[in-house]
């Protein structure tokens, strides 16, 4: 059992496929083991990654920390939320005992627009964040980076890649969400065939996430 269980808050940071029912399932899985969930809501199709990260900091300060001094905050982020969380923990002051779970498919649909001119679909239907995704890391104000805290990654939508990190003739490090260099830095990496949208509602996947947040490892102490 985590020593900070009774004052351990977990912030859920979602992405484009934000779903009230999906976030509720995740939050319930945390509550069942005594963790305190918070759902960070932001206009993913309008805000840039750095702005979403800045407002995440405001959310934590005003809605969670307040005047508390003995508090631990961890993150579960998925899809675009993984970039927001990575930016936040890389640029803002950290509280102690944080952990982070990143859950995402290896590739984003915007990959096909990378290095190409983005048309009406990207600019008007999805807004600025999709432009950032299509341009890749150079489109971010500052690279999102590796979380400087114990973090684990659940790569959804794929089986474990072959030796060398090859999947569908593309290298995992081409992904914005789970680049290969970040996988090497992660404390533990798990691969699961269901896509991110489906995996977030599957109990075994949620169990992996909750055990990491409790112990710092997917498989417990």
C-alpha atoms as a PDB file:
ATOM      1  CA  UNK A   1       0.000   0.000   0.000  1.00  0.00           C
ATOM      2  CA  UNK A   2       1.275   3.460  -0.862  1.00  0.00           C
ATOM      3  CA  UNK A   3       2.299   5.425   2.200  1.00  0.00           C
ATOM      4  CA  UNK A   4       0.684   8.566   0.817  1.00  0.00           C
ATOM      5  CA  UNK A   5      -2.524   6.766  -0.170  1.00  0.00           C
ATOM      6  CA  UNK A   6      -4.818   8.890   1.979  1.00  0.00           C
ATOM      7  CA  UNK A   7      -3.545  12.171   0.515  1.00  0.00           C
ATOM      8  CA  UNK A   8      -2.537  11.011  -2.947  1.00  0.00           C
ATOM      9  CA  UNK A   9      -4.323  12.933  -5.695  1.00  0.00           C
ATOM     10  CA  UNK A  10      -4.347  11.836  -9.337  1.00  0.00           C
ATOM     11  CA  UNK A  11      -5.031  14.283 -12.170  1.00  0.00           C
ATOM     12  CA  UNK A  12      -6.586  12.772 -15.305  1.00  0.00           C
ATOM     13  CA  UNK A  13      -5.483  14.683 -18.427  1.00  0.00           C
ATOM     14  CA  UNK A  14      -7.283  13.605 -21.596  1.00  0.00           C
ATOM     15  CA  UNK A  15      -6.945  14.501 -25.273  1.00  0.00           C
ATOM     16  CA  UNK A  16      -9.083  14.875 -28.368  1.00  0.00           C
ATOM     17  CA  UNK A  17     -11.216  11.844 -27.516  1.00  0.00           C
ATOM     18  CA  UNK A  18     -12.171  13.269 -24.117  1.00  0.00           C
ATOM     19  CA  UNK A  19     -15.189  11.352 -22.853  1.00  0.00           C
ATOM     20  CA  UNK A  20     -17.134  11.949 -19.654  1.00  0.00           C
ATOM     21  CA  UNK A  21     -17.986   8.253 -19.332  1.00  0.00           C
ATOM     22  CA  UNK A  22     -14.389   7.153 -20.024  1.00  0.00           C
ATOM     23  CA  UNK A  23     -12.957   9.587 -17.489  1.00  0.00           C
ATOM     24  CA  UNK A  24     -15.561   8.462 -14.961  1.00  0.00           C
ATOM     25  CA  UNK A  25     -14.464   4.834 -15.355  1.00  0.00           C
ATOM     26  CA  UNK A  26     -10.838   5.863 -14.786  1.00  0.00           C
ATOM     27  CA  UNK A  27     -11.762   8.009 -11.778  1.00  0.00           C
ATOM     28  CA  UNK A  28     -13.798   5.178 -10.226  1.00  0.00           C
ATOM     29  CA  UNK A  29     -10.829   2.802 -10.519  1.00  0.00           C
ATOM     30  CA  UNK A  30      -8.750   5.288  -8.504  1.00  0.00           C
ATOM     31  CA  UNK A  31     -11.412   5.815  -5.878  1.00  0.00           C
ATOM     32  CA  UNK A  32     -11.698   2.058  -5.352  1.00  0.00           C
ATOM     33  CA  UNK A  33      -8.107   1.920  -4.085  1.00  0.00           C
ATOM     34  CA  UNK A  34      -8.266   5.139  -2.086  1.00  0.00           C
ATOM     35  CA  UNK A  35      -6.669   7.572  -4.511  1.00  0.00           C
ATOM     36  CA  UNK A  36      -8.360  10.952  -5.042  1.00  0.00           C
ATOM     37  CA  UNK A  37      -9.112  11.618  -8.741  1.00  0.00           C
ATOM     38  CA  UNK A  38      -9.435  15.000 -10.444  1.00  0.00           C
ATOM     39  CA  UNK A  39     -10.403  15.464 -14.098  1.00  0.00           C
ATOM     40  CA  UNK A  40      -8.658  18.352 -15.834  1.00  0.00           C
ATOM     41  CA  UNK A  41     -10.902  19.722 -18.583  1.00  0.00           C
ATOM     42  CA  UNK A  42      -9.582  22.016 -21.312  1.00  0.00           C
ATOM     43  CA  UNK A  43     -10.540  22.877 -24.930  1.00  0.00           C
ATOM     44  CA  UNK A  44      -8.151  20.440 -26.608  1.00  0.00           C
ATOM     45  CA  UNK A  45      -9.105  21.608 -30.106  1.00  0.00           C
ATOM     46  CA  UNK A  46      -8.459  25.258 -29.321  1.00  0.00           C
ATOM     47  CA  UNK A  47      -5.570  25.600 -26.864  1.00  0.00           C
ATOM     48  CA  UNK A  48      -1.920  25.084 -27.635  1.00  0.00           C
ATOM     49  CA  UNK A  49      -0.012  22.500 -25.630  1.00  0.00           C
ATOM     50  CA  UNK A  50       1.925  25.073 -23.610  1.00  0.00           C
ATOM     51  CA  UNK A  51      -1.241  26.995 -22.735  1.00  0.00           C
ATOM     52  CA  UNK A  52      -3.011  23.807 -21.655  1.00  0.00           C
ATOM     53  CA  UNK A  53       0.016  22.965 -19.493  1.00  0.00           C
ATOM     54  CA  UNK A  54       0.070  26.417 -17.920  1.00  0.00           C
ATOM     55  CA  UNK A  55      -3.625  26.188 -17.062  1.00  0.00           C
ATOM     56  CA  UNK A  56      -3.042  22.683 -15.705  1.00  0.00           C
ATOM     57  CA  UNK A  57      -0.696  24.318 -13.217  1.00  0.00           C
ATOM     58  CA  UNK A  58      -3.410  26.835 -12.285  1.00  0.00           C
ATOM     59  CA  UNK A  59      -5.907  23.988 -11.875  1.00  0.00           C
ATOM     60  CA  UNK A  60      -3.568  22.102  -9.544  1.00  0.00           C
ATOM     61  CA  UNK A  61      -2.797  25.169  -7.445  1.00  0.00           C
ATOM     62  CA  UNK A  62      -6.384  26.389  -7.084  1.00  0.00           C
ATOM     63  CA  UNK A  63      -8.416  23.168  -7.097  1.00  0.00           C
ATOM     64  CA  UNK A  64      -6.128  20.627  -5.422  1.00  0.00           C
ATOM     65  CA  UNK A  65      -3.183  22.042  -3.505  1.00  0.00           C
ATOM     66  CA  UNK A  66      -4.832  25.180  -2.078  1.00  0.00           C
ATOM     67  CA  UNK A  67      -3.228  25.521   1.380  1.00  0.00           C
ATOM     68  CA  UNK A  68      -2.234  21.845   1.725  1.00  0.00           C
ATOM     69  CA  UNK A  69       1.391  21.096   2.573  1.00  0.00           C
ATOM     70  CA  UNK A  70       1.320  17.306   2.948  1.00  0.00           C
ATOM     71  CA  UNK A  71       0.042  16.238  -0.446  1.00  0.00           C
ATOM     72  CA  UNK A  72       1.151  14.027  -3.338  1.00  0.00           C
ATOM     73  CA  UNK A  73       0.022  14.551  -6.928  1.00  0.00           C
ATOM     74  CA  UNK A  74       0.324  12.057  -9.770  1.00  0.00           C
ATOM     75  CA  UNK A  75      -0.946  12.034 -13.336  1.00  0.00           C
ATOM     76  CA  UNK A  76      -2.730   9.712 -15.709  1.00  0.00           C
ATOM     77  CA  UNK A  77      -2.677  11.231 -19.169  1.00  0.00           C
ATOM     78  CA  UNK A  78      -3.717   9.870 -22.522  1.00  0.00           C
ATOM     79  CA  UNK A  79      -3.373  10.896 -26.153  1.00  0.00           C
ATOM     80  CA  UNK A  80      -2.845  14.688 -26.449  1.00  0.00           C
ATOM     81  CA  UNK A  81      -2.952  14.847 -22.661  1.00  0.00           C
ATOM     82  CA  UNK A  82       0.371  13.005 -22.553  1.00  0.00           C
ATOM     83  CA  UNK A  83       2.037  15.956 -24.309  1.00  0.00           C
ATOM     84  CA  UNK A  84       0.333  18.447 -22.006  1.00  0.00           C
ATOM     85  CA  UNK A  85       1.468  16.534 -18.925  1.00  0.00           C
ATOM     86  CA  UNK A  86       5.017  16.116 -20.206  1.00  0.00           C
ATOM     87  CA  UNK A  87       5.232  19.845 -20.900  1.00  0.00           C
ATOM     88  CA  UNK A  88       3.853  20.682 -17.458  1.00  0.00           C
ATOM     89  CA  UNK A  89       6.156  18.447 -15.412  1.00  0.00           C
ATOM     90  CA  UNK A  90       9.156  19.587 -17.465  1.00  0.00           C
ATOM     91  CA  UNK A  91       8.520  23.311 -16.995  1.00  0.00           C
ATOM     92  CA  UNK A  92       6.842  23.820 -13.639  1.00  0.00           C
ATOM     93  CA  UNK A  93       7.805  23.273 -10.021  1.00  0.00           C
ATOM     94  CA  UNK A  94       7.048  19.747  -8.825  1.00  0.00           C
ATOM     95  CA  UNK A  95       5.539  18.585  -5.590  1.00  0.00           C
ATOM     96  CA  UNK A  96       7.106  15.485  -3.985  1.00  0.00           C
ATOM     97  CA  UNK A  97       6.082  11.873  -4.587  1.00  0.00           C
ATOM     98  CA  UNK A  98       4.596  12.412  -8.013  1.00  0.00           C
ATOM     99  CA  UNK A  99       4.222   9.621 -10.534  1.00  0.00           C
ATOM    100  CA  UNK A 100       2.974   9.695 -14.086  1.00  0.00           C
ATOM    101  CA  UNK A 101       1.255   7.213 -16.406  1.00  0.00           C
ATOM    102  CA  UNK A 102       1.184   7.929 -20.146  1.00  0.00           C
ATOM    103  CA  UNK A 103      -1.320   5.934 -22.233  1.00  0.00           C
ATOM    104  CA  UNK A 104      -1.387   6.437 -26.002  1.00  0.00           C
ATOM    105  CA  UNK A 105      -1.410   4.770 -29.397  1.00  0.00           C
ATOM    106  CA  UNK A 106       2.036   4.805 -31.040  1.00  0.00           C
ATOM    107  CA  UNK A 107       0.956   7.063 -33.902  1.00  0.00           C
ATOM    108  CA  UNK A 108      -1.460   9.956 -34.373  1.00  0.00           C
ATOM    109  CA  UNK A 109      -3.604  10.512 -37.515  1.00  0.00           C
ATOM    110  CA  UNK A 110      -1.817  13.823 -38.041  1.00  0.00           C
ATOM    111  CA  UNK A 111       1.383  11.882 -38.804  1.00  0.00           C
ATOM    112  CA  UNK A 112       0.336  11.818 -42.459  1.00  0.00           C
ATOM    113  CA  UNK A 113       0.374  15.633 -42.515  1.00  0.00           C
ATOM    114  CA  UNK A 114       3.883  15.865 -41.081  1.00  0.00           C
ATOM    115  CA  UNK A 115       6.145  18.059 -43.217  1.00  0.00           C
ATOM    116  CA  UNK A 116       3.222  18.958 -45.508  1.00  0.00           C
ATOM    117  CA  UNK A 117       1.123  22.083 -45.848  1.00  0.00           C
ATOM    118  CA  UNK A 118      -1.901  21.843 -43.571  1.00  0.00           C
ATOM    119  CA  UNK A 119      -5.172  22.739 -45.234  1.00  0.00           C
ATOM    120  CA  UNK A 120      -8.634  23.734 -44.103  1.00  0.00           C
ATOM    121  CA  UNK A 121      -9.199  20.512 -42.145  1.00  0.00           C
ATOM    122  CA  UNK A 122      -6.288  21.120 -39.827  1.00  0.00           C
ATOM    123  CA  UNK A 123      -6.721  24.866 -39.434  1.00  0.00           C
ATOM    124  CA  UNK A 124     -10.449  25.205 -38.999  1.00  0.00           C
ATOM    125  CA  UNK A 125     -11.933  21.936 -37.877  1.00  0.00           C
ATOM    126  CA  UNK A 126      -9.378  20.990 -35.261  1.00  0.00           C
ATOM    127  CA  UNK A 127      -7.585  24.242 -34.533  1.00  0.00           C
ATOM    128  CA  UNK A 128      -4.067  25.025 -33.382  1.00  0.00           C
ATOM    129  CA  UNK A 129      -3.189  21.802 -31.505  1.00  0.00           C
ATOM    130  CA  UNK A 130      -3.537  19.676 -34.646  1.00  0.00           C
ATOM    131  CA  UNK A 131      -1.184  22.049 -36.453  1.00  0.00           C
ATOM    132  CA  UNK A 132       1.335  21.511 -33.664  1.00  0.00           C
ATOM    133  CA  UNK A 133       0.912  17.755 -33.961  1.00  0.00           C
ATOM    134  CA  UNK A 134       1.302  17.804 -37.719  1.00  0.00           C
ATOM    135  CA  UNK A 135       4.472  19.876 -37.496  1.00  0.00           C
ATOM    136  CA  UNK A 136       5.915  17.567 -34.862  1.00  0.00           C
ATOM    137  CA  UNK A 137       8.101  18.621 -31.917  1.00  0.00           C
ATOM    138  CA  UNK A 138       9.484  21.627 -33.792  1.00  0.00           C
ATOM    139  CA  UNK A 139       5.935  23.023 -33.744  1.00  0.00           C
ATOM    140  CA  UNK A 140       5.900  23.141 -29.938  1.00  0.00           C
ATOM    141  CA  UNK A 141       7.142  26.311 -28.220  1.00  0.00           C
ATOM    142  CA  UNK A 142       9.590  24.133 -26.310  1.00  0.00           C
ATOM    143  CA  UNK A 143       9.972  20.396 -26.656  1.00  0.00           C
ATOM    144  CA  UNK A 144       7.701  18.516 -24.229  1.00  0.00           C
ATOM    145  CA  UNK A 145      10.547  16.401 -22.912  1.00  0.00           C
ATOM    146  CA  UNK A 146      10.831  13.444 -20.551  1.00  0.00           C
ATOM    147  CA  UNK A 147       8.973  13.661 -17.218  1.00  0.00           C
ATOM    148  CA  UNK A 148      11.609  14.162 -14.488  1.00  0.00           C
ATOM    149  CA  UNK A 149       9.646  11.884 -12.168  1.00  0.00           C
ATOM    150  CA  UNK A 150       8.975   8.113 -12.027  1.00  0.00           C
ATOM    151  CA  UNK A 151       6.806   7.445 -15.079  1.00  0.00           C
ATOM    152  CA  UNK A 152       5.435   4.460 -16.934  1.00  0.00           C
ATOM    153  CA  UNK A 153       4.091   4.130 -20.452  1.00  0.00           C
ATOM    154  CA  UNK A 154       1.268   1.942 -21.746  1.00  0.00           C
ATOM    155  CA  UNK A 155       1.502   1.770 -25.537  1.00  0.00           C
ATOM    156  CA  UNK A 156      -1.952   0.933 -26.865  1.00  0.00           C
ATOM    157  CA  UNK A 157      -3.029  -0.277 -30.271  1.00  0.00           C
ATOM    158  CA  UNK A 158      -0.037  -2.532 -30.848  1.00  0.00           C
ATOM    159  CA  UNK A 159       1.692  -5.666 -29.685  1.00  0.00           C
ATOM    160  CA  UNK A 160       5.220  -5.433 -28.353  1.00  0.00           C
ATOM    161  CA  UNK A 161       7.416  -4.331 -31.280  1.00  0.00           C
ATOM    162  CA  UNK A 162      10.090  -6.524 -32.755  1.00  0.00           C
ATOM    163  CA  UNK A 163      13.682  -6.152 -31.643  1.00  0.00           C
ATOM    164  CA  UNK A 164      14.881  -2.698 -32.569  1.00  0.00           C
ATOM    165  CA  UNK A 165      11.544  -0.980 -31.944  1.00  0.00           C
ATOM    166  CA  UNK A 166      10.096  -1.514 -35.423  1.00  0.00           C
ATOM    167  CA  UNK A 167       6.327  -1.520 -35.885  1.00  0.00           C
ATOM    168  CA  UNK A 168       4.487  -1.455 -39.215  1.00  0.00           C
ATOM    169  CA  UNK A 169       7.760  -0.528 -40.941  1.00  0.00           C
ATOM    170  CA  UNK A 170       7.977   2.670 -38.906  1.00  0.00           C
ATOM    171  CA  UNK A 171      10.113   3.330 -35.882  1.00  0.00           C
ATOM    172  CA  UNK A 172       8.366   3.969 -32.604  1.00  0.00           C
ATOM    173  CA  UNK A 173      10.524   7.074 -32.077  1.00  0.00           C
ATOM    174  CA  UNK A 174       8.574   8.798 -34.883  1.00  0.00           C
ATOM    175  CA  UNK A 175       5.608   8.970 -32.526  1.00  0.00           C
ATOM    176  CA  UNK A 176       4.812  12.232 -30.736  1.00  0.00           C
ATOM    177  CA  UNK A 177       3.225  10.444 -27.809  1.00  0.00           C
ATOM    178  CA  UNK A 178       5.616   7.577 -27.107  1.00  0.00           C
ATOM    179  CA  UNK A 179       8.950   8.262 -28.849  1.00  0.00           C
ATOM    180  CA  UNK A 180      11.527   5.519 -28.562  1.00  0.00           C
ATOM    181  CA  UNK A 181      13.981   7.634 -26.570  1.00  0.00           C
ATOM    182  CA  UNK A 182      11.284   8.249 -23.969  1.00  0.00           C
ATOM    183  CA  UNK A 183      10.450   4.540 -23.787  1.00  0.00           C
ATOM    184  CA  UNK A 184      14.091   3.900 -22.894  1.00  0.00           C
ATOM    185  CA  UNK A 185      13.819   6.386 -20.030  1.00  0.00           C
ATOM    186  CA  UNK A 186      10.535   5.009 -18.692  1.00  0.00           C
ATOM    187  CA  UNK A 187      10.616   2.916 -15.552  1.00  0.00           C
ATOM    188  CA  UNK A 188       8.421   0.336 -17.234  1.00  0.00           C
ATOM    189  CA  UNK A 189       6.702  -0.012 -20.611  1.00  0.00           C
ATOM    190  CA  UNK A 190       3.678  -2.188 -21.384  1.00  0.00           C
ATOM    191  CA  UNK A 191       2.170  -2.896 -24.820  1.00  0.00           C
ATOM    192  CA  UNK A 192      -1.487  -3.801 -25.320  1.00  0.00           C
ATOM    193  CA  UNK A 193      -3.387  -4.514 -28.606  1.00  0.00           C
ATOM    194  CA  UNK A 194      -6.607  -2.541 -27.859  1.00  0.00           C
ATOM    195  CA  UNK A 195      -6.540   1.066 -29.035  1.00  0.00           C
ATOM    196  CA  UNK A 196      -6.355   3.832 -26.461  1.00  0.00           C
ATOM    197  CA  UNK A 197     -10.109   4.527 -26.534  1.00  0.00           C
ATOM    198  CA  UNK A 198     -10.887   0.873 -25.750  1.00  0.00           C
ATOM    199  CA  UNK A 199      -7.976   0.201 -23.409  1.00  0.00           C
ATOM    200  CA  UNK A 200      -9.052   2.947 -21.015  1.00  0.00           C
ATOM    201  CA  UNK A 201     -12.211   0.993 -20.207  1.00  0.00           C
ATOM    202  CA  UNK A 202     -10.549  -2.411 -19.762  1.00  0.00           C
ATOM    203  CA  UNK A 203      -9.992  -3.479 -16.152  1.00  0.00           C
ATOM    204  CA  UNK A 204      -6.578  -5.161 -16.651  1.00  0.00           C
ATOM    205  CA  UNK A 205      -5.229  -1.978 -18.256  1.00  0.00           C
ATOM    206  CA  UNK A 206      -6.650   0.216 -15.505  1.00  0.00           C
ATOM    207  CA  UNK A 207      -5.169  -2.202 -12.957  1.00  0.00           C
ATOM    208  CA  UNK A 208      -1.737  -1.665 -14.472  1.00  0.00           C
ATOM    209  CA  UNK A 209      -2.185   2.091 -14.170  1.00  0.00           C
ATOM    210  CA  UNK A 210      -3.421   2.019 -10.577  1.00  0.00           C
ATOM    211  CA  UNK A 211      -0.643  -0.291  -9.384  1.00  0.00           C
ATOM    212  CA  UNK A 212       1.973   2.009 -10.905  1.00  0.00           C
ATOM    213  CA  UNK A 213       0.451   5.019  -9.201  1.00  0.00           C
ATOM    214  CA  UNK A 214       0.440   3.121  -5.905  1.00  0.00           C
ATOM    215  CA  UNK A 215       3.892   1.554  -6.040  1.00  0.00           C
ATOM    216  CA  UNK A 216       5.897   3.178  -8.834  1.00  0.00           C
ATOM    217  CA  UNK A 217       5.886  -0.084 -10.826  1.00  0.00           C
ATOM    218  CA  UNK A 218       3.210  -1.696 -12.965  1.00  0.00           C
ATOM    219  CA  UNK A 219       3.515  -4.976 -11.074  1.00  0.00           C
ATOM    220  CA  UNK A 220       3.557  -3.512  -7.574  1.00  0.00           C
ATOM    221  CA  UNK A 221       6.419  -3.543  -5.084  1.00  0.00           C
END
